[in-house]
Amino acid sequence: NIDFLQAHQANKKRLADEYYTINEDGLITRQPRRDIVLQLLSAQSFNIPQRKTEMCFLCCRSSSEVYATPMEPTRRLQFLNKIIVESSRDREHVEMLMKIESRAYFCYNHFPKERSVISQKKMTQRQRMNHRFRRFTEQNN
């Protein structure tokens, strides 16, 4: 029992120290953490156009919300790797993801951090408009 527990903990630590990626052949491979840091540093930013009518790659939902990927290359890489790991059982899905990933659209529902930033911007714009309107009415009265 103790041996099993120790083996389980060692396995959990090993998985925590590794990150899943896809190699040139489309096979999912494990990568040690130190290599990931170098990979993240060398990762290029992706210029993905933001459109309102694109379908989300994950949930296939179309809405009027802005569709995009995280602007930071590190966030994008982490997110795509997460999708690849989650969909690793479905080989066709992984292959499709590899082909489309540089052009893929994702709705902001999958990015809580980015979504909160957008809602904060909306709030500040609304507050700004209210403030301007108040100042305008005060001047004219």
N, C-alpha and C. Protein backbone atom coordinates (compact mmCIF):
# COMPACT_ATOMS: atom_id res chain seq x y z
N ASN A 1 0.82 -1.21 0.00
CA ASN A 1 0.00 0.00 0.00
C ASN A 1 0.86 1.26 0.00
N ILE A 2 1.88 1.27 0.84
CA ILE A 2 2.77 2.43 0.93
C ILE A 2 3.55 2.60 -0.37
N ASP A 3 4.00 1.47 -0.95
CA ASP A 3 4.73 1.52 -2.22
C ASP A 3 3.87 2.13 -3.32
N PHE A 4 2.59 1.73 -3.34
CA PHE A 4 1.67 2.24 -4.36
C PHE A 4 1.51 3.76 -4.20
N LEU A 5 1.35 4.21 -2.96
CA LEU A 5 1.17 5.64 -2.67
C LEU A 5 2.41 6.43 -3.10
N GLN A 6 3.59 5.90 -2.75
CA GLN A 6 4.84 6.57 -3.14
C GLN A 6 4.98 6.64 -4.66
N ALA A 7 4.64 5.54 -5.33
CA ALA A 7 4.72 5.49 -6.79
C ALA A 7 3.75 6.49 -7.41
N HIS A 8 2.56 6.57 -6.81
CA HIS A 8 1.53 7.50 -7.30
C HIS A 8 2.00 8.95 -7.16
N GLN A 9 2.58 9.28 -6.00
CA GLN A 9 3.07 10.63 -5.76
C GLN A 9 4.24 10.97 -6.69
N ALA A 10 5.12 9.99 -6.91
CA ALA A 10 6.25 10.20 -7.81
C ALA A 10 5.76 10.44 -9.24
N ASN A 11 4.73 9.69 -9.63
CA ASN A 11 4.15 9.84 -10.96
C ASN A 11 3.50 11.21 -11.13
N LYS A 12 2.80 11.66 -10.08
CA LYS A 12 2.17 12.99 -10.11
C LYS A 12 3.22 14.08 -10.26
N LYS A 13 4.34 13.93 -9.52
CA LYS A 13 5.42 14.92 -9.58
C LYS A 13 6.05 14.93 -10.98
N ARG A 14 6.23 13.73 -11.55
CA ARG A 14 6.82 13.63 -12.88
C ARG A 14 5.93 14.32 -13.92
N LEU A 15 4.61 14.08 -13.82
CA LEU A 15 3.68 14.72 -14.75
C LEU A 15 3.67 16.23 -14.58
N ALA A 16 3.83 16.68 -13.32
CA ALA A 16 3.85 18.12 -13.05
C ALA A 16 5.11 18.77 -13.63
N ASP A 17 6.19 18.00 -13.70
CA ASP A 17 7.46 18.53 -14.22
C ASP A 17 7.55 18.48 -15.74
N GLU A 18 6.52 17.90 -16.37
CA GLU A 18 6.56 17.78 -17.82
C GLU A 18 5.37 18.49 -18.44
N TYR A 19 5.47 18.74 -19.69
CA TYR A 19 4.41 19.44 -20.42
C TYR A 19 4.20 18.71 -21.73
N TYR A 20 2.96 18.57 -22.15
CA TYR A 20 2.69 17.84 -23.38
C TYR A 20 2.75 18.77 -24.59
N THR A 21 3.43 18.32 -25.63
CA THR A 21 3.49 19.09 -26.87
C THR A 21 3.34 18.14 -28.06
N ILE A 22 3.23 18.73 -29.23
CA ILE A 22 3.11 17.92 -30.45
C ILE A 22 4.39 18.09 -31.26
N ASN A 23 4.95 16.96 -31.70
CA ASN A 23 6.16 17.05 -32.52
C ASN A 23 5.79 17.16 -34.01
N GLU A 24 6.79 17.15 -34.89
CA GLU A 24 6.56 17.35 -36.33
C GLU A 24 5.64 16.29 -36.93
N ASP A 25 5.70 15.07 -36.39
CA ASP A 25 4.89 13.97 -36.93
C ASP A 25 3.45 14.00 -36.43
N GLY A 26 3.15 14.96 -35.56
CA GLY A 26 1.78 15.04 -35.03
C GLY A 26 1.56 14.15 -33.82
N LEU A 27 2.65 13.63 -33.27
CA LEU A 27 2.52 12.77 -32.09
C LEU A 27 2.68 13.60 -30.82
N ILE A 28 1.92 13.24 -29.81
CA ILE A 28 2.00 13.98 -28.56
C ILE A 28 3.21 13.48 -27.78
N THR A 29 4.05 14.41 -27.37
CA THR A 29 5.26 14.05 -26.63
C THR A 29 5.33 14.82 -25.33
N ARG A 30 6.07 14.29 -24.38
CA ARG A 30 6.27 14.99 -23.11
C ARG A 30 7.57 15.78 -23.19
N GLN A 31 7.55 16.94 -22.60
CA GLN A 31 8.71 17.81 -22.64
C GLN A 31 9.06 18.25 -21.23
N PRO A 32 10.32 18.18 -20.82
CA PRO A 32 10.69 18.67 -19.49
C PRO A 32 10.49 20.17 -19.39
N ARG A 33 10.26 20.64 -18.16
CA ARG A 33 9.94 22.06 -17.91
C ARG A 33 11.00 23.02 -18.45
N ARG A 34 12.29 22.71 -18.29
CA ARG A 34 13.34 23.66 -18.71
C ARG A 34 13.27 23.93 -20.20
N ASP A 35 12.88 22.90 -20.99
CA ASP A 35 12.73 23.10 -22.43
C ASP A 35 11.55 24.00 -22.75
N ILE A 36 10.51 23.91 -21.92
CA ILE A 36 9.31 24.72 -22.14
C ILE A 36 9.64 26.19 -22.01
N VAL A 37 10.46 26.52 -21.01
CA VAL A 37 10.83 27.92 -20.79
C VAL A 37 11.50 28.48 -22.04
N LEU A 38 12.44 27.72 -22.60
CA LEU A 38 13.12 28.15 -23.82
C LEU A 38 12.14 28.26 -24.98
N GLN A 39 11.20 27.31 -25.04
CA GLN A 39 10.21 27.31 -26.11
C GLN A 39 9.30 28.53 -26.00
N LEU A 40 8.91 28.87 -24.77
CA LEU A 40 8.05 30.04 -24.56
C LEU A 40 8.78 31.33 -24.93
N LEU A 41 10.08 31.36 -24.62
CA LEU A 41 10.87 32.55 -24.95
C LEU A 41 11.01 32.72 -26.46
N SER A 42 11.12 31.58 -27.17
CA SER A 42 11.30 31.66 -28.62
C SER A 42 9.97 31.69 -29.37
N ALA A 43 8.86 31.54 -28.64
CA ALA A 43 7.54 31.52 -29.29
C ALA A 43 7.23 32.87 -29.93
N GLN A 44 6.71 32.82 -31.14
CA GLN A 44 6.37 34.06 -31.84
C GLN A 44 4.92 34.43 -31.54
N SER A 45 4.64 35.71 -31.61
CA SER A 45 3.25 36.13 -31.41
C SER A 45 2.48 35.89 -32.71
N PHE A 46 1.22 35.54 -32.57
CA PHE A 46 0.39 35.25 -33.74
C PHE A 46 -0.54 36.42 -33.98
N ASN A 47 -0.54 36.95 -35.19
CA ASN A 47 -1.46 38.03 -35.52
C ASN A 47 -2.74 37.42 -36.07
N ILE A 48 -3.72 37.31 -35.22
CA ILE A 48 -4.98 36.72 -35.62
C ILE A 48 -6.03 37.82 -35.71
N PRO A 49 -6.67 37.96 -36.85
CA PRO A 49 -7.67 39.02 -36.97
C PRO A 49 -8.85 38.77 -36.05
N GLN A 50 -9.34 39.83 -35.43
CA GLN A 50 -10.50 39.70 -34.55
C GLN A 50 -11.75 40.02 -35.37
N ARG A 51 -12.66 39.08 -35.44
CA ARG A 51 -13.91 39.30 -36.17
C ARG A 51 -15.07 38.95 -35.28
N LYS A 52 -16.25 39.43 -35.66
CA LYS A 52 -17.42 39.22 -34.81
C LYS A 52 -18.26 38.04 -35.25
N THR A 53 -18.08 37.56 -36.47
CA THR A 53 -18.99 36.53 -36.97
C THR A 53 -18.33 35.17 -37.14
N GLU A 54 -17.09 35.02 -36.69
CA GLU A 54 -16.41 33.73 -36.83
C GLU A 54 -16.97 32.73 -35.82
N MET A 55 -16.87 31.45 -36.17
CA MET A 55 -17.30 30.41 -35.24
C MET A 55 -16.15 30.03 -34.32
N CYS A 56 -16.47 29.80 -33.07
CA CYS A 56 -15.45 29.41 -32.10
C CYS A 56 -14.99 27.99 -32.42
N PHE A 57 -13.68 27.77 -32.40
CA PHE A 57 -13.12 26.46 -32.73
C PHE A 57 -13.50 25.40 -31.69
N LEU A 58 -13.67 25.83 -30.44
CA LEU A 58 -13.95 24.87 -29.37
C LEU A 58 -15.42 24.54 -29.24
N CYS A 59 -16.26 25.57 -29.14
CA CYS A 59 -17.68 25.30 -28.87
C CYS A 59 -18.56 25.52 -30.10
N CYS A 60 -17.95 25.89 -31.24
CA CYS A 60 -18.66 26.09 -32.52
C CYS A 60 -19.81 27.08 -32.39
N ARG A 61 -19.68 28.02 -31.47
CA ARG A 61 -20.76 28.98 -31.25
C ARG A 61 -20.41 30.28 -31.96
N SER A 62 -21.41 30.86 -32.61
CA SER A 62 -21.22 32.17 -33.22
C SER A 62 -22.00 33.18 -32.40
N SER A 63 -21.35 34.25 -32.04
CA SER A 63 -22.05 35.31 -31.31
C SER A 63 -21.49 36.64 -31.74
N SER A 64 -22.09 37.71 -31.25
CA SER A 64 -21.64 39.05 -31.63
C SER A 64 -20.40 39.47 -30.84
N GLU A 65 -20.01 38.64 -29.86
CA GLU A 65 -18.82 38.95 -29.07
C GLU A 65 -17.56 38.84 -29.93
N VAL A 66 -16.54 39.59 -29.57
CA VAL A 66 -15.29 39.55 -30.34
C VAL A 66 -14.63 38.19 -30.13
N TYR A 67 -14.19 37.58 -31.22
CA TYR A 67 -13.51 36.30 -31.15
C TYR A 67 -12.02 36.54 -31.35
N ALA A 68 -11.23 35.90 -30.53
CA ALA A 68 -9.79 36.09 -30.66
C ALA A 68 -9.06 35.03 -29.87
N THR A 69 -7.76 35.11 -29.90
CA THR A 69 -6.93 34.26 -29.05
C THR A 69 -6.21 35.19 -28.10
N PRO A 70 -5.62 34.66 -27.02
CA PRO A 70 -4.89 35.56 -26.12
C PRO A 70 -3.78 36.25 -26.89
N MET A 71 -3.58 37.49 -26.61
CA MET A 71 -2.58 38.25 -27.36
C MET A 71 -1.15 37.88 -26.96
N GLU A 72 -0.97 37.46 -25.70
CA GLU A 72 0.38 37.08 -25.27
C GLU A 72 0.73 35.72 -25.86
N PRO A 73 1.89 35.58 -26.49
CA PRO A 73 2.27 34.29 -27.08
C PRO A 73 2.33 33.17 -26.06
N THR A 74 2.77 33.48 -24.83
CA THR A 74 2.87 32.44 -23.80
C THR A 74 1.49 31.91 -23.44
N ARG A 75 0.51 32.82 -23.31
CA ARG A 75 -0.86 32.40 -22.98
C ARG A 75 -1.43 31.55 -24.11
N ARG A 76 -1.14 31.97 -25.35
CA ARG A 76 -1.66 31.23 -26.50
C ARG A 76 -1.09 29.81 -26.54
N LEU A 77 0.22 29.72 -26.33
CA LEU A 77 0.89 28.42 -26.36
C LEU A 77 0.36 27.49 -25.27
N GLN A 78 0.21 28.03 -24.07
CA GLN A 78 -0.32 27.24 -22.95
C GLN A 78 -1.73 26.75 -23.27
N PHE A 79 -2.55 27.65 -23.82
CA PHE A 79 -3.94 27.32 -24.11
C PHE A 79 -4.03 26.24 -25.17
N LEU A 80 -3.26 26.38 -26.25
CA LEU A 80 -3.30 25.39 -27.33
C LEU A 80 -2.79 24.04 -26.85
N ASN A 81 -1.74 24.06 -26.02
CA ASN A 81 -1.24 22.79 -25.47
C ASN A 81 -2.28 22.12 -24.60
N LYS A 82 -3.04 22.93 -23.85
CA LYS A 82 -4.10 22.39 -23.00
C LYS A 82 -5.17 21.71 -23.86
N ILE A 83 -5.55 22.35 -24.96
CA ILE A 83 -6.55 21.77 -25.87
C ILE A 83 -6.01 20.46 -26.44
N ILE A 84 -4.74 20.48 -26.85
CA ILE A 84 -4.14 19.30 -27.47
C ILE A 84 -4.13 18.13 -26.48
N VAL A 85 -3.80 18.41 -25.22
CA VAL A 85 -3.78 17.35 -24.20
C VAL A 85 -5.18 16.82 -23.98
N GLU A 86 -6.16 17.73 -23.89
CA GLU A 86 -7.54 17.31 -23.64
C GLU A 86 -8.11 16.50 -24.80
N SER A 87 -7.68 16.83 -26.02
CA SER A 87 -8.24 16.15 -27.19
C SER A 87 -7.28 15.08 -27.74
N SER A 88 -6.30 14.70 -26.93
CA SER A 88 -5.26 13.80 -27.43
C SER A 88 -5.79 12.41 -27.79
N ARG A 89 -6.94 12.03 -27.23
CA ARG A 89 -7.49 10.70 -27.55
C ARG A 89 -8.03 10.68 -28.99
N ASP A 90 -8.48 11.83 -29.45
CA ASP A 90 -9.08 11.92 -30.78
C ASP A 90 -8.01 12.41 -31.77
N ARG A 91 -7.39 11.48 -32.47
CA ARG A 91 -6.26 11.80 -33.36
C ARG A 91 -6.66 12.77 -34.48
N GLU A 92 -7.84 12.56 -35.05
CA GLU A 92 -8.30 13.43 -36.14
C GLU A 92 -8.42 14.87 -35.66
N HIS A 93 -8.94 15.02 -34.44
CA HIS A 93 -9.12 16.36 -33.86
C HIS A 93 -7.77 17.04 -33.68
N VAL A 94 -6.78 16.29 -33.23
CA VAL A 94 -5.43 16.84 -33.03
C VAL A 94 -4.84 17.28 -34.37
N GLU A 95 -4.99 16.44 -35.40
CA GLU A 95 -4.48 16.79 -36.73
C GLU A 95 -5.15 18.04 -37.27
N MET A 96 -6.47 18.12 -37.07
CA MET A 96 -7.22 19.29 -37.54
C MET A 96 -6.75 20.53 -36.78
N LEU A 97 -6.54 20.36 -35.48
CA LEU A 97 -6.09 21.48 -34.64
C LEU A 97 -4.73 21.98 -35.11
N MET A 98 -3.84 21.04 -35.45
CA MET A 98 -2.50 21.43 -35.91
C MET A 98 -2.57 22.25 -37.19
N LYS A 99 -3.49 21.86 -38.09
CA LYS A 99 -3.63 22.59 -39.36
C LYS A 99 -4.23 23.97 -39.14
N ILE A 100 -5.20 24.03 -38.23
CA ILE A 100 -5.99 25.26 -38.10
C ILE A 100 -5.50 26.18 -37.00
N GLU A 101 -4.65 25.67 -36.09
CA GLU A 101 -4.35 26.41 -34.85
C GLU A 101 -3.83 27.82 -35.06
N SER A 102 -3.09 28.06 -36.15
CA SER A 102 -2.56 29.41 -36.36
C SER A 102 -3.65 30.38 -36.82
N ARG A 103 -4.78 29.82 -37.32
CA ARG A 103 -5.86 30.69 -37.79
C ARG A 103 -7.13 30.52 -36.96
N ALA A 104 -7.06 29.73 -35.90
CA ALA A 104 -8.27 29.38 -35.15
C ALA A 104 -8.82 30.56 -34.35
N TYR A 105 -10.14 30.62 -34.30
CA TYR A 105 -10.82 31.64 -33.49
C TYR A 105 -11.37 30.97 -32.24
N PHE A 106 -11.27 31.67 -31.13
CA PHE A 106 -11.84 31.16 -29.88
C PHE A 106 -12.66 32.28 -29.26
N CYS A 107 -13.84 31.94 -28.73
CA CYS A 107 -14.60 33.01 -28.09
C CYS A 107 -14.02 33.25 -26.69
N TYR A 108 -14.24 34.46 -26.19
CA TYR A 108 -13.61 34.85 -24.93
C TYR A 108 -14.14 34.07 -23.73
N ASN A 109 -15.18 33.27 -23.91
CA ASN A 109 -15.68 32.43 -22.80
C ASN A 109 -14.58 31.50 -22.30
N HIS A 110 -13.66 31.15 -23.18
CA HIS A 110 -12.58 30.23 -22.80
C HIS A 110 -11.40 30.95 -22.16
N PHE A 111 -11.45 32.28 -22.11
CA PHE A 111 -10.37 33.07 -21.52
C PHE A 111 -10.92 33.99 -20.44
N PRO A 112 -11.07 33.51 -19.21
CA PRO A 112 -11.65 34.35 -18.15
C PRO A 112 -10.86 35.63 -17.92
N LYS A 113 -9.53 35.55 -18.00
CA LYS A 113 -8.69 36.72 -17.74
C LYS A 113 -8.95 37.81 -18.78
N GLU A 114 -8.93 37.43 -20.06
CA GLU A 114 -9.17 38.39 -21.13
C GLU A 114 -10.59 38.93 -21.09
N ARG A 115 -11.54 38.05 -20.76
CA ARG A 115 -12.94 38.47 -20.71
C ARG A 115 -13.15 39.54 -19.65
N SER A 116 -12.51 39.37 -18.49
CA SER A 116 -12.66 40.35 -17.40
C SER A 116 -12.06 41.70 -17.81
N VAL A 117 -10.95 41.66 -18.56
CA VAL A 117 -10.33 42.91 -19.03
C VAL A 117 -11.27 43.64 -19.97
N ILE A 118 -11.92 42.89 -20.87
CA ILE A 118 -12.86 43.50 -21.82
C ILE A 118 -14.04 44.12 -21.08
N SER A 119 -14.60 43.40 -20.11
CA SER A 119 -15.76 43.93 -19.38
C SER A 119 -15.37 45.17 -18.58
N GLN A 120 -14.13 45.21 -18.07
CA GLN A 120 -13.66 46.41 -17.35
C GLN A 120 -13.57 47.60 -18.30
N LYS A 121 -13.08 47.35 -19.52
CA LYS A 121 -12.98 48.43 -20.50
C LYS A 121 -14.37 48.96 -20.85
N LYS A 122 -15.33 48.03 -21.02
CA LYS A 122 -16.70 48.45 -21.33
C LYS A 122 -17.26 49.32 -20.21
N MET A 123 -17.01 48.89 -18.99
CA MET A 123 -17.51 49.65 -17.84
C MET A 123 -16.91 51.05 -17.81
N THR A 124 -15.64 51.16 -18.04
CA THR A 124 -14.99 52.48 -17.98
C THR A 124 -15.51 53.38 -19.09
N GLN A 125 -15.77 52.81 -20.28
CA GLN A 125 -16.32 53.61 -21.37
C GLN A 125 -17.70 54.14 -21.02
N ARG A 126 -18.53 53.26 -20.44
CA ARG A 126 -19.88 53.65 -20.05
C ARG A 126 -19.83 54.76 -19.00
N GLN A 127 -18.96 54.55 -18.01
CA GLN A 127 -18.82 55.55 -16.95
C GLN A 127 -18.34 56.88 -17.52
N ARG A 128 -17.41 56.81 -18.49
CA ARG A 128 -16.90 58.01 -19.13
C ARG A 128 -18.02 58.77 -19.84
N MET A 129 -18.86 58.02 -20.55
CA MET A 129 -19.99 58.63 -21.27
C MET A 129 -20.95 59.30 -20.30
N ASN A 130 -21.26 58.62 -19.20
CA ASN A 130 -22.15 59.19 -18.18
C ASN A 130 -21.57 60.47 -17.61
N HIS A 131 -20.28 60.43 -17.36
CA HIS A 131 -19.59 61.59 -16.79
C HIS A 131 -19.65 62.78 -17.76
N ARG A 132 -19.38 62.51 -19.04
CA ARG A 132 -19.45 63.56 -20.07
C ARG A 132 -20.85 64.15 -20.17
N PHE A 133 -21.84 63.26 -20.14
CA PHE A 133 -23.23 63.70 -20.25
C PHE A 133 -23.60 64.59 -19.06
N ARG A 134 -23.18 64.19 -17.87
CA ARG A 134 -23.46 64.98 -16.66
C ARG A 134 -22.82 66.36 -16.76
N ARG A 135 -21.57 66.39 -17.20
CA ARG A 135 -20.86 67.68 -17.35
C ARG A 135 -21.55 68.57 -18.38
N PHE A 136 -21.99 67.95 -19.49
CA PHE A 136 -22.66 68.69 -20.56
C PHE A 136 -23.98 69.30 -20.05
N THR A 137 -24.77 68.52 -19.32
CA THR A 137 -26.06 69.02 -18.80
C THR A 137 -25.85 70.11 -17.75
N GLU A 138 -24.80 69.95 -16.95
CA GLU A 138 -24.51 70.97 -15.92
C GLU A 138 -24.12 72.30 -16.57
N GLN A 139 -23.34 72.24 -17.64
CA GLN A 139 -22.91 73.46 -18.34
C GLN A 139 -24.08 74.17 -19.01
N ASN A 140 -25.02 73.41 -19.55
CA ASN A 140 -26.14 74.00 -20.29
C ASN A 140 -27.29 74.45 -19.40
N ASN A 141 -27.27 74.11 -18.13
CA ASN A 141 -28.36 74.54 -17.22
C ASN A 141 -28.03 75.80 -16.48
